[in-house]
Amino acid sequence: MLYGMKTNTIKRGHQALRKTRVSLPNQIYLITVCCKNKERIFLDYNAARALSSTLNRMLKEKKSKILAWVVMPDHMHLALQLAEDETLAKTMNQINSCSAIAVNRALNRHSQLWQGAYHDHALRDEDQLFTAIRYLISNPIRAGLVEKLGDYPYWNIVIAEPSEALLY
């Protein structure tokens, strides 16, 4: 650096992900959450089943709705619609916390499961929603885990029709 010159610093990492995050009521987001250190923990049957069971239970219990999900060896993808009175940060904290407890219990361990941050992308319309869900459920095929979707056990879709609130 030349003497007296200022450099512009670009914030990277977890802080940059959170900086522009916005929580909009009824908004649908595509979420990606990676395991800490990209650990391929969900190659273990018990870990994958524990996470799958937790996500299926949360489909029914929470105000925010998980519309679709897939568990990959070292991460998960969610299509998530926020409830009217919840934030993305609060909802993801609940999902990450409940799933970490279940997976750690299933594996009899006491380790951090998820990275400290997640990636979110707000979906603007029905076309983006269905493109995101096709991407989400096709991940096991693209990763070479299976040849056809029906052969992969760790995914679910519960969306019949997108919310009217998405189409503003």
N, C-alpha and C. Protein backbone atom coordinates (compact mmCIF):
# COMPACT_ATOMS: atom_id res chain seq x y z
N MET A 1 0.85 -1.18 0.00
CA MET A 1 0.00 0.00 0.00
C MET A 1 0.90 1.24 0.00
N LEU A 2 0.54 2.21 -0.77
CA LEU A 2 1.29 3.45 -0.81
C LEU A 2 0.99 4.26 0.44
N TYR A 3 1.98 5.01 0.89
CA TYR A 3 1.83 5.82 2.09
C TYR A 3 0.69 6.82 1.90
N GLY A 4 -0.18 6.88 2.89
CA GLY A 4 -1.27 7.85 2.87
C GLY A 4 -2.48 7.41 2.06
N MET A 5 -2.39 6.30 1.34
CA MET A 5 -3.53 5.83 0.53
C MET A 5 -4.46 5.01 1.42
N LYS A 6 -5.74 5.25 1.27
CA LYS A 6 -6.73 4.46 1.98
C LYS A 6 -7.21 3.35 1.05
N THR A 7 -7.49 2.22 1.63
CA THR A 7 -8.03 1.12 0.83
C THR A 7 -9.47 0.87 1.23
N ASN A 8 -10.27 0.52 0.28
CA ASN A 8 -11.64 0.13 0.57
C ASN A 8 -11.63 -1.34 0.95
N THR A 9 -12.23 -1.64 2.07
CA THR A 9 -12.28 -3.04 2.49
C THR A 9 -13.67 -3.58 2.20
N ILE A 10 -13.69 -4.78 1.71
CA ILE A 10 -14.94 -5.46 1.41
C ILE A 10 -15.19 -6.43 2.54
N LYS A 11 -16.34 -6.28 3.19
CA LYS A 11 -16.68 -7.20 4.27
C LYS A 11 -17.07 -8.53 3.66
N ARG A 12 -16.52 -9.57 4.24
CA ARG A 12 -16.79 -10.92 3.76
C ARG A 12 -17.25 -11.78 4.92
N GLY A 13 -17.75 -12.94 4.60
CA GLY A 13 -18.10 -13.90 5.64
C GLY A 13 -19.46 -13.65 6.24
N HIS A 14 -19.62 -14.11 7.48
CA HIS A 14 -20.91 -14.09 8.17
C HIS A 14 -21.47 -12.69 8.31
N GLN A 15 -20.63 -11.72 8.62
CA GLN A 15 -21.11 -10.35 8.81
C GLN A 15 -21.71 -9.80 7.52
N ALA A 16 -21.08 -10.09 6.40
CA ALA A 16 -21.59 -9.61 5.11
C ALA A 16 -22.92 -10.27 4.77
N LEU A 17 -23.08 -11.54 5.11
CA LEU A 17 -24.35 -12.23 4.83
C LEU A 17 -25.50 -11.59 5.60
N ARG A 18 -25.24 -11.21 6.86
CA ARG A 18 -26.30 -10.66 7.70
C ARG A 18 -26.61 -9.20 7.38
N LYS A 19 -25.66 -8.46 6.84
CA LYS A 19 -25.80 -7.02 6.68
C LYS A 19 -27.01 -6.61 5.86
N THR A 20 -27.27 -7.29 4.77
CA THR A 20 -28.39 -6.89 3.90
C THR A 20 -29.61 -7.79 4.05
N ARG A 21 -29.62 -8.63 5.06
CA ARG A 21 -30.74 -9.55 5.26
C ARG A 21 -31.98 -8.79 5.69
N VAL A 22 -33.09 -9.10 5.04
CA VAL A 22 -34.37 -8.48 5.34
C VAL A 22 -35.39 -9.58 5.57
N SER A 23 -36.21 -9.42 6.59
CA SER A 23 -37.28 -10.38 6.87
C SER A 23 -38.61 -9.75 6.51
N LEU A 24 -39.26 -10.30 5.51
CA LEU A 24 -40.56 -9.79 5.08
C LEU A 24 -41.64 -10.81 5.41
N PRO A 25 -42.74 -10.37 6.03
CA PRO A 25 -43.83 -11.29 6.34
C PRO A 25 -44.34 -12.00 5.09
N ASN A 26 -44.56 -13.30 5.19
CA ASN A 26 -45.08 -14.14 4.11
C ASN A 26 -44.12 -14.35 2.95
N GLN A 27 -42.93 -13.77 3.02
CA GLN A 27 -41.94 -13.94 1.96
C GLN A 27 -41.43 -15.38 1.95
N ILE A 28 -41.18 -15.90 0.76
CA ILE A 28 -40.60 -17.23 0.63
C ILE A 28 -39.12 -17.07 0.29
N TYR A 29 -38.29 -17.84 0.99
CA TYR A 29 -36.84 -17.79 0.83
C TYR A 29 -36.31 -19.17 0.48
N LEU A 30 -35.28 -19.21 -0.34
CA LEU A 30 -34.49 -20.41 -0.54
C LEU A 30 -33.29 -20.26 0.39
N ILE A 31 -33.11 -21.23 1.29
CA ILE A 31 -32.08 -21.18 2.33
C ILE A 31 -31.11 -22.32 2.12
N THR A 32 -29.83 -22.04 2.30
CA THR A 32 -28.80 -23.08 2.33
C THR A 32 -28.04 -22.94 3.64
N VAL A 33 -27.94 -24.05 4.38
CA VAL A 33 -27.20 -24.08 5.65
C VAL A 33 -26.16 -25.18 5.54
N CYS A 34 -24.90 -24.84 5.76
CA CYS A 34 -23.81 -25.81 5.66
C CYS A 34 -23.38 -26.30 7.04
N CYS A 35 -22.92 -27.54 7.06
CA CYS A 35 -22.36 -28.10 8.30
C CYS A 35 -21.04 -27.40 8.62
N LYS A 36 -20.75 -27.33 9.89
CA LYS A 36 -19.49 -26.73 10.32
C LYS A 36 -18.33 -27.49 9.67
N ASN A 37 -17.41 -26.74 9.12
CA ASN A 37 -16.22 -27.29 8.45
C ASN A 37 -16.57 -28.24 7.29
N LYS A 38 -17.77 -28.06 6.72
CA LYS A 38 -18.22 -28.87 5.59
C LYS A 38 -18.17 -30.37 5.91
N GLU A 39 -18.37 -30.70 7.19
CA GLU A 39 -18.37 -32.09 7.63
C GLU A 39 -19.51 -32.82 6.93
N ARG A 40 -19.24 -33.98 6.38
CA ARG A 40 -20.24 -34.76 5.64
C ARG A 40 -21.00 -35.67 6.60
N ILE A 41 -21.59 -35.05 7.59
CA ILE A 41 -22.23 -35.77 8.69
C ILE A 41 -23.48 -36.53 8.25
N PHE A 42 -24.16 -36.04 7.20
CA PHE A 42 -25.42 -36.66 6.81
C PHE A 42 -25.23 -37.85 5.86
N LEU A 43 -23.98 -38.28 5.69
CA LEU A 43 -23.75 -39.58 5.07
C LEU A 43 -24.12 -40.69 6.06
N ASP A 44 -24.13 -40.32 7.35
CA ASP A 44 -24.54 -41.24 8.40
C ASP A 44 -26.07 -41.33 8.41
N TYR A 45 -26.57 -42.55 8.31
CA TYR A 45 -28.01 -42.78 8.27
C TYR A 45 -28.73 -42.15 9.46
N ASN A 46 -28.21 -42.36 10.68
CA ASN A 46 -28.88 -41.84 11.88
C ASN A 46 -28.93 -40.32 11.89
N ALA A 47 -27.89 -39.68 11.42
CA ALA A 47 -27.87 -38.21 11.36
C ALA A 47 -28.88 -37.70 10.33
N ALA A 48 -28.89 -38.31 9.16
CA ALA A 48 -29.82 -37.89 8.10
C ALA A 48 -31.26 -38.11 8.52
N ARG A 49 -31.55 -39.24 9.18
CA ARG A 49 -32.91 -39.51 9.64
C ARG A 49 -33.32 -38.55 10.74
N ALA A 50 -32.41 -38.23 11.65
CA ALA A 50 -32.73 -37.29 12.73
C ALA A 50 -33.07 -35.91 12.17
N LEU A 51 -32.29 -35.45 11.19
CA LEU A 51 -32.57 -34.14 10.59
C LEU A 51 -33.88 -34.20 9.80
N SER A 52 -34.08 -35.24 9.02
CA SER A 52 -35.31 -35.38 8.24
C SER A 52 -36.54 -35.39 9.13
N SER A 53 -36.48 -36.15 10.22
CA SER A 53 -37.61 -36.21 11.15
C SER A 53 -37.89 -34.86 11.79
N THR A 54 -36.82 -34.14 12.14
CA THR A 54 -36.98 -32.81 12.74
C THR A 54 -37.63 -31.86 11.75
N LEU A 55 -37.18 -31.86 10.49
CA LEU A 55 -37.76 -30.97 9.49
C LEU A 55 -39.22 -31.32 9.23
N ASN A 56 -39.53 -32.61 9.16
CA ASN A 56 -40.93 -33.01 8.95
C ASN A 56 -41.81 -32.59 10.12
N ARG A 57 -41.30 -32.70 11.34
CA ARG A 57 -42.07 -32.27 12.52
C ARG A 57 -42.27 -30.76 12.47
N MET A 58 -41.24 -30.03 12.09
CA MET A 58 -41.34 -28.57 12.04
C MET A 58 -42.28 -28.10 10.93
N LEU A 59 -42.45 -28.92 9.90
CA LEU A 59 -43.41 -28.60 8.85
C LEU A 59 -44.80 -28.39 9.44
N LYS A 60 -45.11 -29.18 10.45
CA LYS A 60 -46.45 -29.19 11.02
C LYS A 60 -46.62 -28.25 12.19
N GLU A 61 -45.54 -27.95 12.92
CA GLU A 61 -45.66 -27.26 14.19
C GLU A 61 -45.44 -25.75 14.15
N LYS A 62 -44.64 -25.27 13.26
CA LYS A 62 -44.23 -23.87 13.29
C LYS A 62 -45.17 -22.98 12.49
N LYS A 63 -45.17 -21.71 12.88
CA LYS A 63 -45.97 -20.73 12.13
C LYS A 63 -45.36 -20.49 10.75
N SER A 64 -44.03 -20.30 10.71
CA SER A 64 -43.36 -20.23 9.42
C SER A 64 -43.40 -21.61 8.80
N LYS A 65 -43.54 -21.68 7.49
CA LYS A 65 -43.74 -22.96 6.82
C LYS A 65 -42.52 -23.37 6.01
N ILE A 66 -42.07 -24.60 6.23
CA ILE A 66 -41.07 -25.18 5.36
C ILE A 66 -41.85 -25.82 4.21
N LEU A 67 -41.66 -25.29 3.00
CA LEU A 67 -42.42 -25.76 1.86
C LEU A 67 -41.75 -26.96 1.18
N ALA A 68 -40.43 -27.00 1.26
CA ALA A 68 -39.67 -28.10 0.68
C ALA A 68 -38.29 -28.11 1.33
N TRP A 69 -37.68 -29.30 1.38
CA TRP A 69 -36.33 -29.40 1.94
C TRP A 69 -35.62 -30.60 1.35
N VAL A 70 -34.29 -30.54 1.38
CA VAL A 70 -33.46 -31.68 1.01
C VAL A 70 -32.23 -31.66 1.91
N VAL A 71 -31.83 -32.84 2.36
CA VAL A 71 -30.64 -33.01 3.19
C VAL A 71 -29.54 -33.59 2.30
N MET A 72 -28.44 -32.89 2.20
CA MET A 72 -27.28 -33.35 1.44
C MET A 72 -26.21 -33.79 2.44
N PRO A 73 -25.14 -34.43 1.99
CA PRO A 73 -24.14 -34.93 2.94
C PRO A 73 -23.57 -33.87 3.88
N ASP A 74 -23.38 -32.64 3.40
CA ASP A 74 -22.76 -31.61 4.24
C ASP A 74 -23.55 -30.31 4.35
N HIS A 75 -24.81 -30.34 3.93
CA HIS A 75 -25.65 -29.14 4.02
C HIS A 75 -27.12 -29.51 3.83
N MET A 76 -27.98 -28.52 4.02
CA MET A 76 -29.40 -28.69 3.72
C MET A 76 -29.90 -27.46 2.97
N HIS A 77 -30.93 -27.68 2.19
CA HIS A 77 -31.63 -26.60 1.49
C HIS A 77 -33.07 -26.60 1.98
N LEU A 78 -33.63 -25.40 2.13
CA LEU A 78 -35.03 -25.24 2.53
C LEU A 78 -35.69 -24.20 1.64
N ALA A 79 -36.94 -24.43 1.30
CA ALA A 79 -37.81 -23.37 0.79
C ALA A 79 -38.72 -23.05 1.97
N LEU A 80 -38.66 -21.83 2.44
CA LEU A 80 -39.28 -21.45 3.71
C LEU A 80 -40.12 -20.20 3.52
N GLN A 81 -41.36 -20.23 4.00
CA GLN A 81 -42.21 -19.05 3.97
C GLN A 81 -42.37 -18.53 5.40
N LEU A 82 -41.95 -17.29 5.60
CA LEU A 82 -42.03 -16.68 6.94
C LEU A 82 -43.48 -16.42 7.34
N ALA A 83 -43.72 -16.59 8.62
CA ALA A 83 -45.01 -16.22 9.19
C ALA A 83 -45.08 -14.69 9.30
N GLU A 84 -46.27 -14.21 9.52
CA GLU A 84 -46.53 -12.77 9.61
C GLU A 84 -45.69 -12.10 10.69
N ASP A 85 -45.50 -12.77 11.82
CA ASP A 85 -44.86 -12.13 12.98
C ASP A 85 -43.50 -12.73 13.34
N GLU A 86 -42.82 -13.36 12.38
CA GLU A 86 -41.51 -13.94 12.64
C GLU A 86 -40.46 -13.33 11.73
N THR A 87 -39.21 -13.40 12.17
CA THR A 87 -38.10 -12.93 11.35
C THR A 87 -37.35 -14.14 10.81
N LEU A 88 -36.62 -13.91 9.76
CA LEU A 88 -35.82 -14.99 9.18
C LEU A 88 -34.77 -15.47 10.19
N ALA A 89 -34.14 -14.54 10.88
CA ALA A 89 -33.11 -14.91 11.87
C ALA A 89 -33.69 -15.78 12.98
N LYS A 90 -34.85 -15.40 13.50
CA LYS A 90 -35.47 -16.16 14.58
C LYS A 90 -35.89 -17.55 14.10
N THR A 91 -36.49 -17.62 12.93
CA THR A 91 -36.95 -18.89 12.39
C THR A 91 -35.78 -19.82 12.11
N MET A 92 -34.71 -19.29 11.49
CA MET A 92 -33.55 -20.13 11.20
C MET A 92 -32.84 -20.56 12.48
N ASN A 93 -32.83 -19.70 13.48
CA ASN A 93 -32.24 -20.08 14.76
C ASN A 93 -32.99 -21.27 15.36
N GLN A 94 -34.32 -21.25 15.27
CA GLN A 94 -35.12 -22.37 15.78
C GLN A 94 -34.86 -23.65 14.99
N ILE A 95 -34.83 -23.55 13.68
CA ILE A 95 -34.59 -24.72 12.84
C ILE A 95 -33.21 -25.29 13.12
N ASN A 96 -32.20 -24.43 13.13
CA ASN A 96 -30.83 -24.90 13.36
C ASN A 96 -30.67 -25.49 14.76
N SER A 97 -31.26 -24.86 15.74
CA SER A 97 -31.13 -25.33 17.12
C SER A 97 -31.81 -26.68 17.31
N CYS A 98 -33.07 -26.79 16.88
CA CYS A 98 -33.81 -28.05 17.04
C CYS A 98 -33.14 -29.18 16.27
N SER A 99 -32.68 -28.90 15.05
CA SER A 99 -32.05 -29.96 14.26
C SER A 99 -30.70 -30.37 14.85
N ALA A 100 -29.94 -29.43 15.37
CA ALA A 100 -28.65 -29.76 15.98
C ALA A 100 -28.84 -30.64 17.21
N ILE A 101 -29.83 -30.31 18.02
CA ILE A 101 -30.12 -31.14 19.21
C ILE A 101 -30.48 -32.56 18.79
N ALA A 102 -31.34 -32.70 17.80
CA ALA A 102 -31.78 -34.02 17.35
C ALA A 102 -30.62 -34.83 16.75
N VAL A 103 -29.81 -34.20 15.92
CA VAL A 103 -28.70 -34.91 15.29
C VAL A 103 -27.65 -35.29 16.33
N ASN A 104 -27.31 -34.36 17.21
CA ASN A 104 -26.33 -34.68 18.25
C ASN A 104 -26.83 -35.80 19.16
N ARG A 105 -28.10 -35.80 19.48
CA ARG A 105 -28.67 -36.86 20.31
C ARG A 105 -28.60 -38.21 19.57
N ALA A 106 -28.92 -38.21 18.29
CA ALA A 106 -28.90 -39.45 17.51
C ALA A 106 -27.49 -40.03 17.39
N LEU A 107 -26.49 -39.14 17.38
CA LEU A 107 -25.11 -39.60 17.23
C LEU A 107 -24.35 -39.67 18.56
N ASN A 108 -25.06 -39.33 19.65
CA ASN A 108 -24.44 -39.31 20.97
C ASN A 108 -23.17 -38.46 20.99
N ARG A 109 -23.33 -37.22 20.51
CA ARG A 109 -22.21 -36.29 20.47
C ARG A 109 -22.65 -34.94 20.98
N HIS A 110 -21.69 -34.06 21.20
CA HIS A 110 -21.96 -32.71 21.72
C HIS A 110 -21.14 -31.69 20.92
N SER A 111 -21.37 -31.63 19.64
CA SER A 111 -20.57 -30.76 18.77
C SER A 111 -21.46 -29.75 18.06
N GLN A 112 -20.86 -28.67 17.62
CA GLN A 112 -21.59 -27.70 16.80
C GLN A 112 -21.87 -28.36 15.45
N LEU A 113 -23.10 -28.31 15.03
CA LEU A 113 -23.49 -28.95 13.78
C LEU A 113 -23.38 -28.00 12.59
N TRP A 114 -23.95 -26.80 12.74
CA TRP A 114 -24.08 -25.88 11.61
C TRP A 114 -23.02 -24.78 11.66
N GLN A 115 -22.72 -24.25 10.48
CA GLN A 115 -21.91 -23.04 10.39
C GLN A 115 -22.64 -21.92 11.11
N GLY A 116 -21.95 -20.86 11.40
CA GLY A 116 -22.59 -19.74 12.08
C GLY A 116 -23.49 -18.90 11.20
N ALA A 117 -23.51 -19.16 9.90
CA ALA A 117 -24.31 -18.34 8.98
C ALA A 117 -25.01 -19.25 7.98
N TYR A 118 -25.91 -18.67 7.22
CA TYR A 118 -26.62 -19.39 6.18
C TYR A 118 -26.82 -18.44 5.01
N HIS A 119 -27.09 -18.98 3.85
CA HIS A 119 -27.36 -18.16 2.67
C HIS A 119 -28.86 -18.14 2.43
N ASP A 120 -29.39 -16.96 2.16
CA ASP A 120 -30.82 -16.85 1.86
C ASP A 120 -31.02 -16.08 0.56
N HIS A 121 -32.05 -16.46 -0.16
CA HIS A 121 -32.42 -15.77 -1.40
C HIS A 121 -33.93 -15.63 -1.42
N ALA A 122 -34.42 -14.40 -1.45
CA ALA A 122 -35.86 -14.15 -1.50
C ALA A 122 -36.38 -14.48 -2.89
N LEU A 123 -37.47 -15.21 -2.94
CA LEU A 123 -38.09 -15.59 -4.21
C LEU A 123 -39.21 -14.60 -4.51
N ARG A 124 -39.21 -14.08 -5.72
CA ARG A 124 -40.10 -12.96 -6.04
C ARG A 124 -41.45 -13.36 -6.63
N ASP A 125 -41.50 -14.53 -7.25
CA ASP A 125 -42.76 -14.90 -7.89
C ASP A 125 -42.87 -16.43 -7.98
N GLU A 126 -43.97 -16.87 -8.51
CA GLU A 126 -44.24 -18.30 -8.60
C GLU A 126 -43.21 -19.03 -9.45
N ASP A 127 -42.79 -18.42 -10.57
CA ASP A 127 -41.77 -19.04 -11.41
C ASP A 127 -40.47 -19.28 -10.64
N GLN A 128 -40.03 -18.27 -9.88
CA GLN A 128 -38.81 -18.44 -9.08
C GLN A 128 -39.00 -19.52 -8.02
N LEU A 129 -40.17 -19.59 -7.42
CA LEU A 129 -40.43 -20.60 -6.41
C LEU A 129 -40.30 -22.00 -7.00
N PHE A 130 -40.95 -22.26 -8.10
CA PHE A 130 -40.90 -23.60 -8.68
C PHE A 130 -39.52 -23.93 -9.25
N THR A 131 -38.81 -22.93 -9.77
CA THR A 131 -37.43 -23.15 -10.21
C THR A 131 -36.56 -23.51 -9.02
N ALA A 132 -36.73 -22.80 -7.91
CA ALA A 132 -35.95 -23.08 -6.69
C ALA A 132 -36.25 -24.47 -6.16
N ILE A 133 -37.50 -24.87 -6.17
CA ILE A 133 -37.85 -26.20 -5.65
C ILE A 133 -37.30 -27.29 -6.57
N ARG A 134 -37.36 -27.08 -7.88
CA ARG A 134 -36.76 -28.06 -8.81
C ARG A 134 -35.25 -28.17 -8.55
N TYR A 135 -34.59 -27.03 -8.35
CA TYR A 135 -33.16 -27.02 -8.03
C TYR A 135 -32.91 -27.78 -6.73
N LEU A 136 -33.69 -27.49 -5.73
CA LEU A 136 -33.54 -28.08 -4.40
C LEU A 136 -33.65 -29.60 -4.46
N ILE A 137 -34.71 -30.11 -5.03
CA ILE A 137 -34.92 -31.56 -5.02
C ILE A 137 -34.07 -32.30 -6.04
N SER A 138 -33.47 -31.58 -6.99
CA SER A 138 -32.58 -32.22 -7.96
C SER A 138 -31.14 -32.31 -7.46
N ASN A 139 -30.85 -31.69 -6.35
CA ASN A 139 -29.49 -31.68 -5.82
C ASN A 139 -28.88 -33.07 -5.66
N PRO A 140 -29.58 -34.05 -5.11
CA PRO A 140 -28.98 -35.38 -4.96
C PRO A 140 -28.58 -36.02 -6.30
N ILE A 141 -29.33 -35.73 -7.35
CA ILE A 141 -29.01 -36.25 -8.67
C ILE A 141 -27.75 -35.56 -9.20
N ARG A 142 -27.71 -34.22 -9.12
CA ARG A 142 -26.54 -33.48 -9.59
C ARG A 142 -25.28 -33.86 -8.82
N ALA A 143 -25.44 -34.21 -7.54
CA ALA A 143 -24.29 -34.58 -6.71
C ALA A 143 -23.85 -36.03 -6.94
N GLY A 144 -24.61 -36.76 -7.76
CA GLY A 144 -24.25 -38.14 -8.05
C GLY A 144 -24.61 -39.12 -6.94
N LEU A 145 -25.49 -38.70 -6.03
CA LEU A 145 -25.90 -39.59 -4.93
C LEU A 145 -26.89 -40.64 -5.39
N VAL A 146 -27.72 -40.28 -6.38
CA VAL A 146 -28.71 -41.19 -6.96
C VAL A 146 -28.88 -40.86 -8.43
N GLU A 147 -29.52 -41.77 -9.15
CA GLU A 147 -29.79 -41.51 -10.57
C GLU A 147 -31.16 -40.90 -10.80
N LYS A 148 -32.10 -41.22 -9.90
CA LYS A 148 -33.43 -40.63 -10.04
C LYS A 148 -33.93 -40.23 -8.65
N LEU A 149 -34.76 -39.21 -8.62
CA LEU A 149 -35.19 -38.59 -7.37
C LEU A 149 -35.84 -39.57 -6.41
N GLY A 150 -36.65 -40.46 -6.91
CA GLY A 150 -37.35 -41.40 -6.05
C GLY A 150 -36.43 -42.31 -5.25
N ASP A 151 -35.17 -42.40 -5.66
CA ASP A 151 -34.21 -43.25 -4.95
C ASP A 151 -33.58 -42.55 -3.75
N TYR A 152 -33.77 -41.25 -3.61
CA TYR A 152 -33.14 -40.50 -2.52
C TYR A 152 -34.16 -40.29 -1.40
N PRO A 153 -33.85 -40.71 -0.17
CA PRO A 153 -34.86 -40.68 0.90
C PRO A 153 -34.97 -39.38 1.69
N TYR A 154 -34.02 -38.46 1.55
CA TYR A 154 -33.96 -37.34 2.48
C TYR A 154 -34.41 -36.02 1.84
N TRP A 155 -35.69 -35.96 1.49
CA TRP A 155 -36.28 -34.74 0.94
C TRP A 155 -37.79 -34.80 1.14
N ASN A 156 -38.41 -33.63 1.02
CA ASN A 156 -39.86 -33.57 1.12
C ASN A 156 -40.35 -32.28 0.49
N ILE A 157 -41.54 -32.34 -0.06
CA ILE A 157 -42.23 -31.15 -0.58
C ILE A 157 -43.63 -31.18 0.01
N VAL A 158 -44.08 -30.06 0.52
CA VAL A 158 -45.43 -29.99 1.06
C VAL A 158 -46.22 -28.85 0.42
N ILE A 159 -45.71 -28.33 -0.67
CA ILE A 159 -46.37 -27.19 -1.30
C ILE A 159 -47.40 -27.69 -2.31
N ALA A 160 -48.61 -27.21 -2.17
CA ALA A 160 -49.65 -27.49 -3.15
C ALA A 160 -49.79 -26.29 -4.07
N GLU A 161 -49.99 -25.14 -3.46
CA GLU A 161 -50.05 -23.89 -4.21
C GLU A 161 -49.31 -22.84 -3.42
N PRO A 162 -48.58 -21.94 -4.10
CA PRO A 162 -47.88 -20.89 -3.37
C PRO A 162 -48.88 -19.94 -2.74
N SER A 163 -48.45 -19.30 -1.69
CA SER A 163 -49.29 -18.34 -0.99
C SER A 163 -49.61 -17.16 -1.91
N GLU A 164 -50.81 -16.67 -1.76
CA GLU A 164 -51.19 -15.46 -2.51
C GLU A 164 -50.29 -14.30 -2.12
N ALA A 165 -49.80 -14.30 -0.89
CA ALA A 165 -48.97 -13.21 -0.41
C ALA A 165 -47.66 -13.10 -1.20
N LEU A 166 -47.20 -14.22 -1.78
CA LEU A 166 -45.97 -14.20 -2.55
C LEU A 166 -46.14 -13.38 -3.82
N LEU A 167 -47.33 -13.37 -4.36
CA LEU A 167 -47.58 -12.77 -5.68
C LEU A 167 -48.05 -11.33 -5.53
N TYR A 168 -47.16 -10.44 -5.12
CA TYR A 168 -47.53 -9.04 -4.94
C TYR A 168 -47.04 -8.18 -6.07
